[in-house]
Amino acid sequence: MPTETIVTFPMPSPDCGAIGGWFQWAQALLQHTRRPTVILVMGDRLAIGTIRASKASSLSVPHDGAIVGFDDIPLTA
């Protein structure tokens, strides 16, 4: 049975708040040797970038992992 752990990953620079910048950060995270099963980000735009990076890495959300963001922007409603 696998052991559950919480892995932290360095946050991107402050100018990475746009969807495209977060995409690059998420790609690096998803290539980590211990790819996460859940990614919690601090906003819907960041979640969108992370979902796009998952799809670009041929990962299925939510089958291969869950992505959680929050702030209720219209695009995610």
C-alpha atoms as a PDB file:
ATOM      1  CA  MET A   1       0.000   0.000   0.000  1.00  0.00           C
ATOM      2  CA  PRO A   2       1.492   3.376  -0.986  1.00  0.00           C
ATOM      3  CA  THR A   3       2.295   5.861   1.712  1.00  0.00           C
ATOM      4  CA  GLU A   4       0.515   9.198   1.394  1.00  0.00           C
ATOM      5  CA  THR A   5       2.743  12.232   1.705  1.00  0.00           C
ATOM      6  CA  ILE A   6       2.459  15.944   1.230  1.00  0.00           C
ATOM      7  CA  VAL A   7       5.073  17.279  -1.128  1.00  0.00           C
ATOM      8  CA  THR A   8       5.718  20.988  -1.404  1.00  0.00           C
ATOM      9  CA  PHE A   9       7.074  22.483  -4.585  1.00  0.00           C
ATOM     10  CA  PRO A  10       8.670  25.939  -4.855  1.00  0.00           C
ATOM     11  CA  MET A  11       6.168  28.578  -5.858  1.00  0.00           C
ATOM     12  CA  PRO A  12       6.706  30.415  -9.125  1.00  0.00           C
ATOM     13  CA  SER A  13       7.737  34.037  -9.226  1.00  0.00           C
ATOM     14  CA  PRO A  14       5.083  36.688  -8.483  1.00  0.00           C
ATOM     15  CA  ASP A  15       4.759  37.563 -12.172  1.00  0.00           C
ATOM     16  CA  CYS A  16       3.570  34.002 -12.773  1.00  0.00           C
ATOM     17  CA  GLY A  17      -0.054  34.800 -11.859  1.00  0.00           C
ATOM     18  CA  ALA A  18      -1.223  34.593 -15.456  1.00  0.00           C
ATOM     19  CA  ILE A  19      -2.557  31.318 -16.815  1.00  0.00           C
ATOM     20  CA  GLY A  20       0.414  30.940 -19.187  1.00  0.00           C
ATOM     21  CA  GLY A  21       3.020  31.435 -16.463  1.00  0.00           C
ATOM     22  CA  TRP A  22       1.322  28.967 -14.189  1.00  0.00           C
ATOM     23  CA  PHE A  23       1.245  26.469 -17.062  1.00  0.00           C
ATOM     24  CA  GLN A  24       5.056  26.411 -17.116  1.00  0.00           C
ATOM     25  CA  TRP A  25       5.246  25.980 -13.342  1.00  0.00           C
ATOM     26  CA  ALA A  26       2.717  23.140 -13.420  1.00  0.00           C
ATOM     27  CA  GLN A  27       4.582  21.359 -16.218  1.00  0.00           C
ATOM     28  CA  ALA A  28       7.684  21.237 -14.019  1.00  0.00           C
ATOM     29  CA  LEU A  29       5.633  19.955 -11.074  1.00  0.00           C
ATOM     30  CA  LEU A  30       3.975  17.258 -13.182  1.00  0.00           C
ATOM     31  CA  GLN A  31       7.370  16.008 -14.369  1.00  0.00           C
ATOM     32  CA  HIS A  32       8.515  15.501 -10.767  1.00  0.00           C
ATOM     33  CA  THR A  33       9.482  11.900  -9.967  1.00  0.00           C
ATOM     34  CA  ARG A  34       6.636  11.745  -7.433  1.00  0.00           C
ATOM     35  CA  ARG A  35       3.836  13.305  -9.465  1.00  0.00           C
ATOM     36  CA  PRO A  36       1.073  14.562  -7.169  1.00  0.00           C
ATOM     37  CA  THR A  37      -2.420  13.107  -7.153  1.00  0.00           C
ATOM     38  CA  VAL A  38      -3.889  16.413  -5.950  1.00  0.00           C
ATOM     39  CA  ILE A  39      -2.729  19.957  -6.653  1.00  0.00           C
ATOM     40  CA  LEU A  40      -4.228  22.804  -4.619  1.00  0.00           C
ATOM     41  CA  VAL A  41      -3.663  26.266  -6.068  1.00  0.00           C
ATOM     42  CA  MET A  42      -4.704  29.651  -4.780  1.00  0.00           C
ATOM     43  CA  GLY A  43      -7.109  30.700  -7.504  1.00  0.00           C
ATOM     44  CA  ASP A  44      -9.094  29.540 -10.495  1.00  0.00           C
ATOM     45  CA  ARG A  45      -6.722  31.061 -13.077  1.00  0.00           C
ATOM     46  CA  LEU A  46      -3.901  29.051 -11.575  1.00  0.00           C
ATOM     47  CA  ALA A  47      -6.067  25.926 -11.660  1.00  0.00           C
ATOM     48  CA  ILE A  48      -6.814  26.517 -15.352  1.00  0.00           C
ATOM     49  CA  GLY A  49      -3.094  26.750 -16.150  1.00  0.00           C
ATOM     50  CA  THR A  50      -2.476  23.579 -14.147  1.00  0.00           C
ATOM     51  CA  ILE A  51      -5.273  21.709 -15.978  1.00  0.00           C
ATOM     52  CA  ARG A  52      -3.817  22.806 -19.322  1.00  0.00           C
ATOM     53  CA  ALA A  53      -0.373  21.579 -18.262  1.00  0.00           C
ATOM     54  CA  SER A  54      -1.880  18.243 -17.214  1.00  0.00           C
ATOM     55  CA  LYS A  55      -3.535  17.794 -20.584  1.00  0.00           C
ATOM     56  CA  ALA A  56      -0.318  18.771 -22.385  1.00  0.00           C
ATOM     57  CA  SER A  57       1.424  16.042 -20.372  1.00  0.00           C
ATOM     58  CA  SER A  58      -1.212  13.510 -21.515  1.00  0.00           C
ATOM     59  CA  LEU A  59      -2.715  13.332 -18.033  1.00  0.00           C
ATOM     60  CA  SER A  60      -6.440  13.143 -17.475  1.00  0.00           C
ATOM     61  CA  VAL A  61      -8.133  15.356 -14.899  1.00  0.00           C
ATOM     62  CA  PRO A  62      -9.616  13.988 -12.635  1.00  0.00           C
ATOM     63  CA  HIS A  63      -8.585  10.409 -13.538  1.00  0.00           C
ATOM     64  CA  ASP A  64      -4.819  10.897 -13.072  1.00  0.00           C
ATOM     65  CA  GLY A  65      -5.123  13.601 -10.438  1.00  0.00           C
ATOM     66  CA  ALA A  66      -7.306  16.341  -9.032  1.00  0.00           C
ATOM     67  CA  ILE A  67      -6.747  20.084  -9.321  1.00  0.00           C
ATOM     68  CA  VAL A  68      -8.426  22.442  -6.892  1.00  0.00           C
ATOM     69  CA  GLY A  69      -8.601  26.214  -7.156  1.00  0.00           C
ATOM     70  CA  PHE A  70     -11.028  28.703  -5.716  1.00  0.00           C
ATOM     71  CA  ASP A  71     -12.340  32.203  -6.223  1.00  0.00           C
ATOM     72  CA  ASP A  72     -15.361  31.703  -8.532  1.00  0.00           C
ATOM     73  CA  ILE A  73     -14.301  33.489 -11.697  1.00  0.00           C
ATOM     74  CA  PRO A  74     -16.999  33.282 -14.432  1.00  0.00           C
ATOM     75  CA  LEU A  75     -14.842  31.014 -16.645  1.00  0.00           C
ATOM     76  CA  THR A  76     -15.001  28.229 -14.057  1.00  0.00           C
ATOM     77  CA  ALA A  77     -18.628  28.568 -13.026  1.00  0.00           C
END
